[in-house]
């Protein structure tokens, strides 16, 4: 949309949950059937962040923002900065 509107400003990522600048919203699903809980999100992101420290090209901070779990679907949506 920014390209169509011919805006000169750069496009920045924003949270789909809060609208906060600098965050990307990610969906986490467990294919084994167990619902994803906020603790699962924190554990997984923390583990991946520690593993990524071994490779400078893949390194990322485990900065997690808002987590929204949906018990009826078993899916969790969360923000990462």
N, C-alpha and C. Protein backbone atom coordinates (compact mmCIF):
# COMPACT_ATOMS: atom_id res chain seq x y z
N UNK A 1 0.81 -1.19 0.00
CA UNK A 1 0.00 0.00 0.00
C UNK A 1 0.85 1.26 0.00
N UNK A 2 1.98 1.21 0.70
CA UNK A 2 2.85 2.39 0.75
C UNK A 2 3.40 2.72 -0.63
N UNK A 3 3.70 1.68 -1.41
CA UNK A 3 4.22 1.92 -2.76
C UNK A 3 3.16 2.52 -3.66
N UNK A 4 1.93 2.08 -3.52
CA UNK A 4 0.83 2.58 -4.35
C UNK A 4 0.53 4.04 -4.00
N UNK A 5 0.60 4.36 -2.71
CA UNK A 5 0.27 5.72 -2.29
C UNK A 5 1.42 6.70 -2.54
N UNK A 6 2.53 6.20 -3.04
CA UNK A 6 3.71 7.00 -3.38
C UNK A 6 4.24 7.80 -2.19
N UNK A 7 4.18 7.19 -1.05
CA UNK A 7 4.74 7.84 0.15
C UNK A 7 6.25 7.77 0.09
N UNK A 8 6.89 8.83 0.50
CA UNK A 8 8.35 8.89 0.50
C UNK A 8 8.94 8.26 1.76
N UNK A 9 8.16 8.16 2.82
CA UNK A 9 8.67 7.61 4.09
C UNK A 9 8.88 6.11 3.97
N UNK A 10 9.82 5.61 4.75
CA UNK A 10 10.08 4.18 4.75
C UNK A 10 8.98 3.44 5.49
N UNK A 11 8.79 2.19 5.14
CA UNK A 11 7.79 1.35 5.78
C UNK A 11 8.43 0.71 7.00
N UNK A 12 7.76 0.79 8.13
CA UNK A 12 8.28 0.17 9.35
C UNK A 12 7.32 -0.92 9.80
N UNK A 13 7.88 -1.96 10.41
CA UNK A 13 7.03 -3.04 10.88
C UNK A 13 6.27 -2.60 12.13
N UNK A 14 5.04 -3.10 12.24
CA UNK A 14 4.19 -2.80 13.39
C UNK A 14 3.50 -4.07 13.84
N UNK A 15 3.22 -4.13 15.13
CA UNK A 15 2.49 -5.24 15.70
C UNK A 15 1.05 -5.24 15.18
N UNK A 16 0.56 -6.41 14.81
CA UNK A 16 -0.85 -6.54 14.44
C UNK A 16 -1.73 -6.60 15.68
N UNK A 17 -1.12 -6.87 16.84
CA UNK A 17 -1.88 -6.96 18.09
C UNK A 17 -2.03 -5.61 18.78
N UNK A 18 -0.95 -4.82 18.79
CA UNK A 18 -0.98 -3.57 19.54
C UNK A 18 -0.74 -2.33 18.68
N UNK A 19 -0.23 -2.52 17.47
CA UNK A 19 0.10 -1.39 16.61
C UNK A 19 1.44 -0.77 16.94
N UNK A 20 2.15 -1.34 17.91
CA UNK A 20 3.44 -0.80 18.34
C UNK A 20 4.49 -0.96 17.25
N UNK A 21 5.24 0.10 17.02
CA UNK A 21 6.27 0.11 16.00
C UNK A 21 7.45 -0.77 16.42
N UNK A 22 8.07 -1.42 15.43
CA UNK A 22 9.27 -2.21 15.68
C UNK A 22 9.01 -3.66 16.05
N UNK A 23 7.76 -4.07 16.02
CA UNK A 23 7.42 -5.45 16.35
C UNK A 23 6.82 -6.14 15.12
N UNK A 24 7.02 -7.45 15.03
CA UNK A 24 6.39 -8.28 14.01
C UNK A 24 5.50 -9.29 14.74
N UNK A 25 4.34 -9.59 14.20
CA UNK A 25 3.42 -10.52 14.82
C UNK A 25 3.59 -11.90 14.19
N UNK A 26 3.72 -12.91 15.04
CA UNK A 26 4.00 -14.28 14.60
C UNK A 26 2.95 -15.22 15.18
N UNK A 27 2.61 -16.26 14.42
CA UNK A 27 1.64 -17.26 14.85
C UNK A 27 2.39 -18.55 15.17
N UNK A 28 2.05 -19.18 16.29
CA UNK A 28 2.67 -20.45 16.69
C UNK A 28 1.59 -21.51 16.83
N UNK A 29 1.78 -22.64 16.16
CA UNK A 29 0.81 -23.73 16.15
C UNK A 29 1.53 -25.02 16.55
N UNK A 30 0.88 -25.84 17.34
CA UNK A 30 1.40 -27.17 17.67
C UNK A 30 0.65 -28.18 16.82
N UNK A 31 1.35 -28.85 15.93
CA UNK A 31 0.70 -29.81 15.03
C UNK A 31 0.37 -31.13 15.71
N UNK A 32 0.82 -31.31 16.95
CA UNK A 32 0.53 -32.55 17.70
C UNK A 32 -0.82 -32.48 18.40
N UNK A 33 -1.50 -31.32 18.33
CA UNK A 33 -2.83 -31.21 18.88
C UNK A 33 -2.95 -30.51 20.22
N UNK A 34 -1.86 -30.40 20.98
CA UNK A 34 -1.92 -29.72 22.27
C UNK A 34 -1.96 -28.22 22.05
N UNK A 35 -2.86 -27.48 22.75
CA UNK A 35 -2.93 -26.03 22.57
C UNK A 35 -1.63 -25.34 22.99
N UNK A 36 -1.25 -24.30 22.27
CA UNK A 36 -0.05 -23.53 22.59
C UNK A 36 -0.39 -22.53 23.69
N UNK A 37 0.40 -22.54 24.74
CA UNK A 37 0.24 -21.64 25.87
C UNK A 37 1.33 -20.56 25.83
N UNK A 38 1.12 -19.44 26.51
CA UNK A 38 2.16 -18.40 26.55
C UNK A 38 3.52 -18.92 27.01
N UNK A 39 3.54 -19.86 27.95
CA UNK A 39 4.80 -20.45 28.40
C UNK A 39 5.52 -21.19 27.29
N UNK A 40 4.76 -21.82 26.39
CA UNK A 40 5.36 -22.52 25.25
C UNK A 40 6.05 -21.52 24.32
N UNK A 41 5.41 -20.37 24.11
CA UNK A 41 5.99 -19.33 23.27
C UNK A 41 7.30 -18.85 23.88
N UNK A 42 7.29 -18.52 25.16
CA UNK A 42 8.48 -18.01 25.82
C UNK A 42 9.62 -19.03 25.80
N UNK A 43 9.30 -20.30 26.08
CA UNK A 43 10.32 -21.35 26.08
C UNK A 43 10.94 -21.50 24.70
N UNK A 44 10.09 -21.56 23.67
CA UNK A 44 10.57 -21.78 22.30
C UNK A 44 11.42 -20.62 21.80
N UNK A 45 10.96 -19.40 22.01
CA UNK A 45 11.71 -18.23 21.56
C UNK A 45 13.04 -18.13 22.30
N UNK A 46 13.01 -18.39 23.60
CA UNK A 46 14.24 -18.35 24.39
C UNK A 46 15.25 -19.39 23.91
N UNK A 47 14.77 -20.59 23.67
CA UNK A 47 15.64 -21.68 23.18
C UNK A 47 16.23 -21.34 21.82
N UNK A 48 15.40 -20.87 20.90
CA UNK A 48 15.88 -20.51 19.56
C UNK A 48 16.85 -19.34 19.60
N UNK A 49 16.60 -18.39 20.48
CA UNK A 49 17.49 -17.25 20.62
C UNK A 49 18.87 -17.69 21.11
N UNK A 50 18.90 -18.59 22.10
CA UNK A 50 20.18 -19.11 22.59
C UNK A 50 20.91 -19.89 21.49
N UNK A 51 20.17 -20.69 20.73
CA UNK A 51 20.79 -21.47 19.64
C UNK A 51 21.31 -20.55 18.54
N UNK A 52 20.62 -19.44 18.29
CA UNK A 52 21.03 -18.53 17.22
C UNK A 52 22.31 -17.79 17.56
N UNK A 53 22.67 -17.73 18.83
CA UNK A 53 23.89 -17.02 19.25
C UNK A 53 25.14 -17.68 18.70
N UNK A 54 25.02 -18.91 18.25
CA UNK A 54 26.16 -19.64 17.68
C UNK A 54 26.50 -19.18 16.26
N UNK A 55 25.58 -18.47 15.61
CA UNK A 55 25.78 -18.06 14.23
C UNK A 55 25.43 -16.57 14.12
N UNK A 56 26.44 -15.75 13.81
CA UNK A 56 26.22 -14.30 13.75
C UNK A 56 25.17 -13.90 12.71
N UNK A 57 25.07 -14.63 11.61
CA UNK A 57 24.11 -14.28 10.56
C UNK A 57 22.67 -14.55 10.99
N UNK A 58 22.48 -15.51 11.87
CA UNK A 58 21.12 -15.89 12.29
C UNK A 58 20.76 -15.38 13.68
N UNK A 59 21.65 -14.68 14.33
CA UNK A 59 21.45 -14.23 15.71
C UNK A 59 20.25 -13.29 15.83
N UNK A 60 19.45 -13.50 16.87
CA UNK A 60 18.34 -12.58 17.16
C UNK A 60 18.10 -12.54 18.65
N UNK A 61 17.53 -11.44 19.11
CA UNK A 61 17.18 -11.30 20.52
C UNK A 61 15.84 -11.98 20.76
N UNK A 62 15.65 -12.49 21.92
CA UNK A 62 14.40 -13.14 22.27
C UNK A 62 13.39 -12.17 22.86
N UNK A 63 13.26 -11.00 22.25
CA UNK A 63 12.38 -9.95 22.75
C UNK A 63 10.93 -10.24 22.35
N UNK A 64 10.13 -10.72 23.29
CA UNK A 64 8.73 -11.06 23.04
C UNK A 64 7.84 -9.99 23.66
N UNK A 65 6.87 -9.53 22.89
CA UNK A 65 5.90 -8.55 23.39
C UNK A 65 4.63 -9.25 23.84
N UNK A 66 3.51 -8.75 23.40
CA UNK A 66 2.20 -9.28 23.78
C UNK A 66 2.02 -10.69 23.22
N UNK A 67 1.47 -11.58 24.03
CA UNK A 67 1.13 -12.94 23.61
C UNK A 67 -0.37 -13.10 23.77
N UNK A 68 -1.02 -13.60 22.72
CA UNK A 68 -2.46 -13.83 22.78
C UNK A 68 -2.72 -15.28 22.38
N UNK A 69 -3.14 -16.10 23.35
CA UNK A 69 -3.44 -17.50 23.09
C UNK A 69 -4.94 -17.65 22.86
N UNK A 70 -5.29 -18.50 21.89
CA UNK A 70 -6.70 -18.77 21.58
C UNK A 70 -6.99 -20.21 21.97
N UNK A 71 -7.65 -20.44 23.10
CA UNK A 71 -7.89 -21.80 23.57
C UNK A 71 -8.77 -22.63 22.63
N UNK A 72 -9.66 -22.00 21.89
CA UNK A 72 -10.55 -22.77 21.01
C UNK A 72 -9.83 -23.30 19.78
N UNK A 73 -8.79 -22.60 19.31
CA UNK A 73 -8.04 -23.07 18.15
C UNK A 73 -6.71 -23.70 18.54
N UNK A 74 -6.22 -23.41 19.76
CA UNK A 74 -4.94 -23.93 20.20
C UNK A 74 -3.75 -23.17 19.64
N UNK A 75 -4.01 -22.04 19.01
CA UNK A 75 -2.97 -21.23 18.37
C UNK A 75 -2.63 -20.05 19.27
N UNK A 76 -1.35 -19.69 19.28
CA UNK A 76 -0.92 -18.49 20.00
C UNK A 76 -0.33 -17.51 18.97
N UNK A 77 -0.65 -16.24 19.14
CA UNK A 77 -0.12 -15.17 18.29
C UNK A 77 0.67 -14.26 19.21
N UNK A 78 1.87 -13.86 18.78
CA UNK A 78 2.71 -13.05 19.66
C UNK A 78 3.55 -12.08 18.86
N UNK A 79 4.02 -11.06 19.55
CA UNK A 79 4.87 -10.04 18.94
C UNK A 79 6.33 -10.28 19.29
N UNK A 80 7.19 -10.07 18.30
CA UNK A 80 8.63 -10.12 18.53
C UNK A 80 9.23 -8.83 18.03
N UNK A 81 10.18 -8.29 18.81
CA UNK A 81 10.82 -7.04 18.42
C UNK A 81 12.25 -7.23 18.02
